[in-house]
Amino acid sequence: MTLPRTHMTLTSGNLALLDPKNPEDDPVVPLVVVSGRPVDLPHGVVYVLREDLPLVEELITTKSWWDTVDILAIHVVGPILKAHPKEIRKWNKRWMTSDNLWLNRTAILFQLTWKEETDKELLFANIERHADHKDFFIRKAIGWSLRTLAETDPAAVKAFVRSHTLAPLSEREALRKIE
């Protein structure tokens, strides 16, 4: 598939059609929704680049509700970081140490579609950091990320759950399809 020679760059409050400033081999990520609604553009797709992560972070913290955050975390942040693995540690640390629960949720969920390529050590560290979090949305994200990982590595998930104290909701969600 050949990518179009133009992409949309997100800016605060608007979308502006720009010529790409990235080399052809720099992966771009299709973003087909913004704030939960399909984007209808002449070129059909919005492309979000690694350089757009600060704006994506702004959207996560200002358009904060689970549906918008989950779309951005899983379908925008996840593919960008998968395409640019050297960026993972920097962004993950920023989001895991933030006081913003939606950034914490993003760090827990961004690998959700990575299947066998999930960095289990990173995911488990993120979960450990927030295992005692009182917020429903963090507890649900922990269970969801573990349940999804269990599709490809149920033994790792069982071992992790058995060796850690998780909120009942997180544990129930994690083990729901394997026990």
C-alpha atoms as a PDB file:
ATOM      1  CA  MET A   1       0.000   0.000   0.000  1.00  0.00           C
ATOM      2  CA  THR A   2       1.345   3.405  -0.947  1.00  0.00           C
ATOM      3  CA  LEU A   3       0.644   6.168   1.538  1.00  0.00           C
ATOM      4  CA  PRO A   4      -0.662   9.468   0.212  1.00  0.00           C
ATOM      5  CA  ARG A   5       1.925  12.213  -0.190  1.00  0.00           C
ATOM      6  CA  THR A   6      -0.008  14.437   2.192  1.00  0.00           C
ATOM      7  CA  HIS A   7      -1.016  13.936   5.783  1.00  0.00           C
ATOM      8  CA  MET A   8      -3.079  15.746   8.340  1.00  0.00           C
ATOM      9  CA  THR A   9      -1.277  17.263  11.261  1.00  0.00           C
ATOM     10  CA  LEU A  10      -3.369  17.798  14.349  1.00  0.00           C
ATOM     11  CA  THR A  11      -3.188  21.200  15.951  1.00  0.00           C
ATOM     12  CA  SER A  12      -4.993  22.479  19.000  1.00  0.00           C
ATOM     13  CA  GLY A  13      -8.516  23.161  17.874  1.00  0.00           C
ATOM     14  CA  ASN A  14      -8.200  22.367  14.175  1.00  0.00           C
ATOM     15  CA  LEU A  15      -6.837  20.080  11.495  1.00  0.00           C
ATOM     16  CA  ALA A  16      -4.533  21.523   8.841  1.00  0.00           C
ATOM     17  CA  LEU A  17      -3.549  19.810   5.614  1.00  0.00           C
ATOM     18  CA  LEU A  18       0.221  19.992   5.276  1.00  0.00           C
ATOM     19  CA  ASP A  19       2.865  18.561   3.022  1.00  0.00           C
ATOM     20  CA  PRO A  20       4.661  15.724   4.768  1.00  0.00           C
ATOM     21  CA  LYS A  21       7.947  16.644   6.380  1.00  0.00           C
ATOM     22  CA  ASN A  22       8.871  13.070   7.140  1.00  0.00           C
ATOM     23  CA  PRO A  23      10.982  10.833   4.894  1.00  0.00           C
ATOM     24  CA  GLU A  24       9.135   8.082   3.026  1.00  0.00           C
ATOM     25  CA  ASP A  25      10.418   5.379   5.367  1.00  0.00           C
ATOM     26  CA  ASP A  26       9.084   7.141   8.491  1.00  0.00           C
ATOM     27  CA  PRO A  27       5.916   5.195   9.389  1.00  0.00           C
ATOM     28  CA  VAL A  28       2.699   7.122   9.853  1.00  0.00           C
ATOM     29  CA  VAL A  29      -0.353   5.879  11.697  1.00  0.00           C
ATOM     30  CA  PRO A  30      -3.859   6.157  10.279  1.00  0.00           C
ATOM     31  CA  LEU A  31      -6.239   7.905  12.644  1.00  0.00           C
ATOM     32  CA  VAL A  32      -9.815   7.435  11.524  1.00  0.00           C
ATOM     33  CA  VAL A  33     -11.497   8.997  14.539  1.00  0.00           C
ATOM     34  CA  VAL A  34     -11.044  12.197  16.456  1.00  0.00           C
ATOM     35  CA  SER A  35     -13.017  12.549  19.668  1.00  0.00           C
ATOM     36  CA  GLY A  36     -15.042   9.469  18.808  1.00  0.00           C
ATOM     37  CA  ARG A  37     -16.264  10.650  15.385  1.00  0.00           C
ATOM     38  CA  PRO A  38     -15.077   9.532  11.934  1.00  0.00           C
ATOM     39  CA  VAL A  39     -13.036  12.120  10.084  1.00  0.00           C
ATOM     40  CA  ASP A  40     -14.431  12.877   6.629  1.00  0.00           C
ATOM     41  CA  LEU A  41     -11.620  14.311   4.530  1.00  0.00           C
ATOM     42  CA  PRO A  42     -10.843  14.486   0.820  1.00  0.00           C
ATOM     43  CA  HIS A  43      -7.954  12.056   1.321  1.00  0.00           C
ATOM     44  CA  GLY A  44     -10.042   9.842   3.612  1.00  0.00           C
ATOM     45  CA  VAL A  45      -7.550   9.366   6.450  1.00  0.00           C
ATOM     46  CA  VAL A  46      -5.763  11.482   9.012  1.00  0.00           C
ATOM     47  CA  TYR A  47      -2.152  10.509   9.629  1.00  0.00           C
ATOM     48  CA  VAL A  48      -0.674  11.069  13.041  1.00  0.00           C
ATOM     49  CA  LEU A  49       3.100  11.062  13.302  1.00  0.00           C
ATOM     50  CA  ARG A  50       5.498  10.531  16.184  1.00  0.00           C
ATOM     51  CA  GLU A  51       5.891  14.313  16.308  1.00  0.00           C
ATOM     52  CA  ASP A  52       2.183  14.572  17.101  1.00  0.00           C
ATOM     53  CA  LEU A  53       2.471  12.672  20.400  1.00  0.00           C
ATOM     54  CA  PRO A  54       2.492  15.894  22.473  1.00  0.00           C
ATOM     55  CA  LEU A  55      -0.841  16.864  20.919  1.00  0.00           C
ATOM     56  CA  VAL A  56      -2.214  13.343  21.395  1.00  0.00           C
ATOM     57  CA  GLU A  57      -1.179  13.680  25.042  1.00  0.00           C
ATOM     58  CA  GLU A  58      -3.021  16.987  25.203  1.00  0.00           C
ATOM     59  CA  LEU A  59      -6.141  15.327  23.770  1.00  0.00           C
ATOM     60  CA  ILE A  60      -5.848  12.546  26.352  1.00  0.00           C
ATOM     61  CA  THR A  61      -5.709  15.055  29.187  1.00  0.00           C
ATOM     62  CA  THR A  62      -8.307  17.518  27.884  1.00  0.00           C
ATOM     63  CA  LYS A  63     -10.829  15.199  26.179  1.00  0.00           C
ATOM     64  CA  SER A  64     -10.709  12.854  29.124  1.00  0.00           C
ATOM     65  CA  TRP A  65     -13.222  10.081  29.171  1.00  0.00           C
ATOM     66  CA  TRP A  66     -12.639   6.376  28.745  1.00  0.00           C
ATOM     67  CA  ASP A  67     -13.934   6.097  25.171  1.00  0.00           C
ATOM     68  CA  THR A  68     -11.765   8.880  23.737  1.00  0.00           C
ATOM     69  CA  VAL A  69      -8.740   7.936  25.809  1.00  0.00           C
ATOM     70  CA  ASP A  70      -8.991   4.255  24.842  1.00  0.00           C
ATOM     71  CA  ILE A  71      -9.188   5.070  21.125  1.00  0.00           C
ATOM     72  CA  LEU A  72      -6.145   7.319  21.394  1.00  0.00           C
ATOM     73  CA  ALA A  73      -4.169   4.924  23.620  1.00  0.00           C
ATOM     74  CA  ILE A  74      -4.822   1.745  21.635  1.00  0.00           C
ATOM     75  CA  HIS A  75      -5.222   2.941  18.054  1.00  0.00           C
ATOM     76  CA  VAL A  76      -2.963   6.000  17.940  1.00  0.00           C
ATOM     77  CA  VAL A  77      -0.328   5.859  20.701  1.00  0.00           C
ATOM     78  CA  GLY A  78       0.132   2.082  20.420  1.00  0.00           C
ATOM     79  CA  PRO A  79       0.929   2.003  16.684  1.00  0.00           C
ATOM     80  CA  ILE A  80       3.140   5.091  16.891  1.00  0.00           C
ATOM     81  CA  LEU A  81       5.209   3.630  19.723  1.00  0.00           C
ATOM     82  CA  LYS A  82       5.341   0.223  18.056  1.00  0.00           C
ATOM     83  CA  ALA A  83       6.752   1.904  14.940  1.00  0.00           C
ATOM     84  CA  HIS A  84       9.212   3.899  17.086  1.00  0.00           C
ATOM     85  CA  PRO A  85      10.268   1.599  19.935  1.00  0.00           C
ATOM     86  CA  LYS A  86      13.047   3.949  21.077  1.00  0.00           C
ATOM     87  CA  GLU A  87      10.318   6.382  22.141  1.00  0.00           C
ATOM     88  CA  ILE A  88       8.516   3.909  24.437  1.00  0.00           C
ATOM     89  CA  ARG A  89      10.549   4.352  27.618  1.00  0.00           C
ATOM     90  CA  LYS A  90      10.402   8.154  27.488  1.00  0.00           C
ATOM     91  CA  TRP A  91       6.636   8.372  26.969  1.00  0.00           C
ATOM     92  CA  ASN A  92       5.819   5.467  29.269  1.00  0.00           C
ATOM     93  CA  LYS A  93       7.800   6.991  32.131  1.00  0.00           C
ATOM     94  CA  ARG A  94       6.132  10.351  31.595  1.00  0.00           C
ATOM     95  CA  TRP A  95       2.657   8.813  31.643  1.00  0.00           C
ATOM     96  CA  MET A  96       3.210   6.340  34.477  1.00  0.00           C
ATOM     97  CA  THR A  97       4.606   9.000  36.797  1.00  0.00           C
ATOM     98  CA  SER A  98       1.901  11.520  35.958  1.00  0.00           C
ATOM     99  CA  ASP A  99      -0.838  12.421  38.404  1.00  0.00           C
ATOM    100  CA  ASN A 100      -3.299  12.237  35.520  1.00  0.00           C
ATOM    101  CA  LEU A 101      -5.229   8.964  35.645  1.00  0.00           C
ATOM    102  CA  TRP A 102      -5.942   9.085  31.884  1.00  0.00           C
ATOM    103  CA  LEU A 103      -2.228   9.190  31.091  1.00  0.00           C
ATOM    104  CA  ASN A 104      -1.741   6.300  33.531  1.00  0.00           C
ATOM    105  CA  ARG A 105      -4.508   4.390  31.712  1.00  0.00           C
ATOM    106  CA  THR A 106      -2.850   5.157  28.358  1.00  0.00           C
ATOM    107  CA  ALA A 107       0.439   3.647  29.587  1.00  0.00           C
ATOM    108  CA  ILE A 108      -1.356   0.503  30.709  1.00  0.00           C
ATOM    109  CA  LEU A 109      -3.365   0.112  27.482  1.00  0.00           C
ATOM    110  CA  PHE A 110      -1.161   1.263  24.598  1.00  0.00           C
ATOM    111  CA  GLN A 111       0.180  -2.280  23.936  1.00  0.00           C
ATOM    112  CA  LEU A 112      -3.291  -3.859  23.907  1.00  0.00           C
ATOM    113  CA  THR A 113      -3.163  -4.953  20.248  1.00  0.00           C
ATOM    114  CA  TRP A 114       0.498  -6.030  20.245  1.00  0.00           C
ATOM    115  CA  LYS A 115      -0.269  -9.698  21.067  1.00  0.00           C
ATOM    116  CA  GLU A 116       3.009 -11.711  21.174  1.00  0.00           C
ATOM    117  CA  GLU A 117       5.006  -8.502  20.800  1.00  0.00           C
ATOM    118  CA  THR A 118       3.761  -7.084  24.095  1.00  0.00           C
ATOM    119  CA  ASP A 119       6.622  -6.043  26.338  1.00  0.00           C
ATOM    120  CA  LYS A 120       5.449  -8.040  29.362  1.00  0.00           C
ATOM    121  CA  GLU A 121       8.117  -6.635  31.652  1.00  0.00           C
ATOM    122  CA  LEU A 122       6.961  -3.087  30.874  1.00  0.00           C
ATOM    123  CA  LEU A 123       3.272  -3.957  31.148  1.00  0.00           C
ATOM    124  CA  PHE A 124       3.759  -5.750  34.461  1.00  0.00           C
ATOM    125  CA  ALA A 125       5.815  -2.832  35.824  1.00  0.00           C
ATOM    126  CA  ASN A 126       3.062  -0.406  34.805  1.00  0.00           C
ATOM    127  CA  ILE A 127       0.459  -2.571  36.499  1.00  0.00           C
ATOM    128  CA  GLU A 128       2.537  -2.968  39.665  1.00  0.00           C
ATOM    129  CA  ARG A 129       2.911   0.807  39.927  1.00  0.00           C
ATOM    130  CA  HIS A 130      -0.865   1.281  39.919  1.00  0.00           C
ATOM    131  CA  ALA A 131      -2.126  -2.021  41.348  1.00  0.00           C
ATOM    132  CA  ASP A 132      -3.515  -0.266  44.427  1.00  0.00           C
ATOM    133  CA  HIS A 133      -5.038   2.646  42.498  1.00  0.00           C
ATOM    134  CA  LYS A 134      -8.533   3.408  43.751  1.00  0.00           C
ATOM    135  CA  ASP A 135      -9.998   4.560  40.438  1.00  0.00           C
ATOM    136  CA  PHE A 136     -12.346   2.223  38.549  1.00  0.00           C
ATOM    137  CA  PHE A 137     -10.867   3.136  35.155  1.00  0.00           C
ATOM    138  CA  ILE A 138      -7.336   2.185  36.198  1.00  0.00           C
ATOM    139  CA  ARG A 139      -8.510  -1.060  37.784  1.00  0.00           C
ATOM    140  CA  LYS A 140     -10.515  -1.925  34.672  1.00  0.00           C
ATOM    141  CA  ALA A 141      -7.529  -1.111  32.401  1.00  0.00           C
ATOM    142  CA  ILE A 142      -5.307  -3.416  34.460  1.00  0.00           C
ATOM    143  CA  GLY A 143      -7.770  -6.297  34.124  1.00  0.00           C
ATOM    144  CA  TRP A 144      -8.364  -5.628  30.431  1.00  0.00           C
ATOM    145  CA  SER A 145      -4.670  -5.490  29.568  1.00  0.00           C
ATOM    146  CA  LEU A 146      -4.004  -8.736  31.450  1.00  0.00           C
ATOM    147  CA  ARG A 147      -7.028 -10.480  29.911  1.00  0.00           C
ATOM    148  CA  THR A 148      -5.814  -9.465  26.444  1.00  0.00           C
ATOM    149  CA  LEU A 149      -2.284 -10.666  27.186  1.00  0.00           C
ATOM    150  CA  ALA A 150      -3.787 -13.964  28.382  1.00  0.00           C
ATOM    151  CA  GLU A 151      -4.943 -14.613  24.815  1.00  0.00           C
ATOM    152  CA  THR A 152      -1.301 -15.160  23.847  1.00  0.00           C
ATOM    153  CA  ASP A 153       0.372 -15.962  27.182  1.00  0.00           C
ATOM    154  CA  PRO A 154      -2.113 -17.272  29.762  1.00  0.00           C
ATOM    155  CA  ALA A 155       0.646 -18.783  31.922  1.00  0.00           C
ATOM    156  CA  ALA A 156       2.352 -15.418  32.358  1.00  0.00           C
ATOM    157  CA  VAL A 157      -0.915 -13.770  33.324  1.00  0.00           C
ATOM    158  CA  LYS A 158      -1.811 -16.512  35.832  1.00  0.00           C
ATOM    159  CA  ALA A 159       1.654 -16.300  37.387  1.00  0.00           C
ATOM    160  CA  PHE A 160       1.490 -12.513  37.600  1.00  0.00           C
ATOM    161  CA  VAL A 161      -1.981 -12.486  39.168  1.00  0.00           C
ATOM    162  CA  ARG A 162      -1.017 -15.193  41.689  1.00  0.00           C
ATOM    163  CA  SER A 163       2.111 -13.315  42.764  1.00  0.00           C
ATOM    164  CA  HIS A 164       0.544  -9.850  43.103  1.00  0.00           C
ATOM    165  CA  THR A 165      -2.264  -8.299  45.074  1.00  0.00           C
ATOM    166  CA  LEU A 166      -4.689  -6.749  42.622  1.00  0.00           C
ATOM    167  CA  ALA A 167      -8.071  -5.151  43.130  1.00  0.00           C
ATOM    168  CA  PRO A 168     -10.852  -7.740  42.844  1.00  0.00           C
ATOM    169  CA  LEU A 169     -12.094  -6.082  39.638  1.00  0.00           C
ATOM    170  CA  SER A 170      -8.636  -6.245  38.041  1.00  0.00           C
ATOM    171  CA  GLU A 171      -8.119  -9.876  39.032  1.00  0.00           C
ATOM    172  CA  ARG A 172     -11.587 -10.956  37.899  1.00  0.00           C
ATOM    173  CA  GLU A 173     -11.135  -9.245  34.509  1.00  0.00           C
ATOM    174  CA  ALA A 174      -7.617 -10.671  34.085  1.00  0.00           C
ATOM    175  CA  LEU A 175      -8.691 -14.274  34.671  1.00  0.00           C
ATOM    176  CA  ARG A 176     -12.168 -14.119  33.145  1.00  0.00           C
ATOM    177  CA  LYS A 177     -11.356 -16.117  30.010  1.00  0.00           C
ATOM    178  CA  ILE A 178      -8.674 -18.446  31.366  1.00  0.00           C
ATOM    179  CA  GLU A 179     -10.220 -19.837  34.556  1.00  0.00           C
END
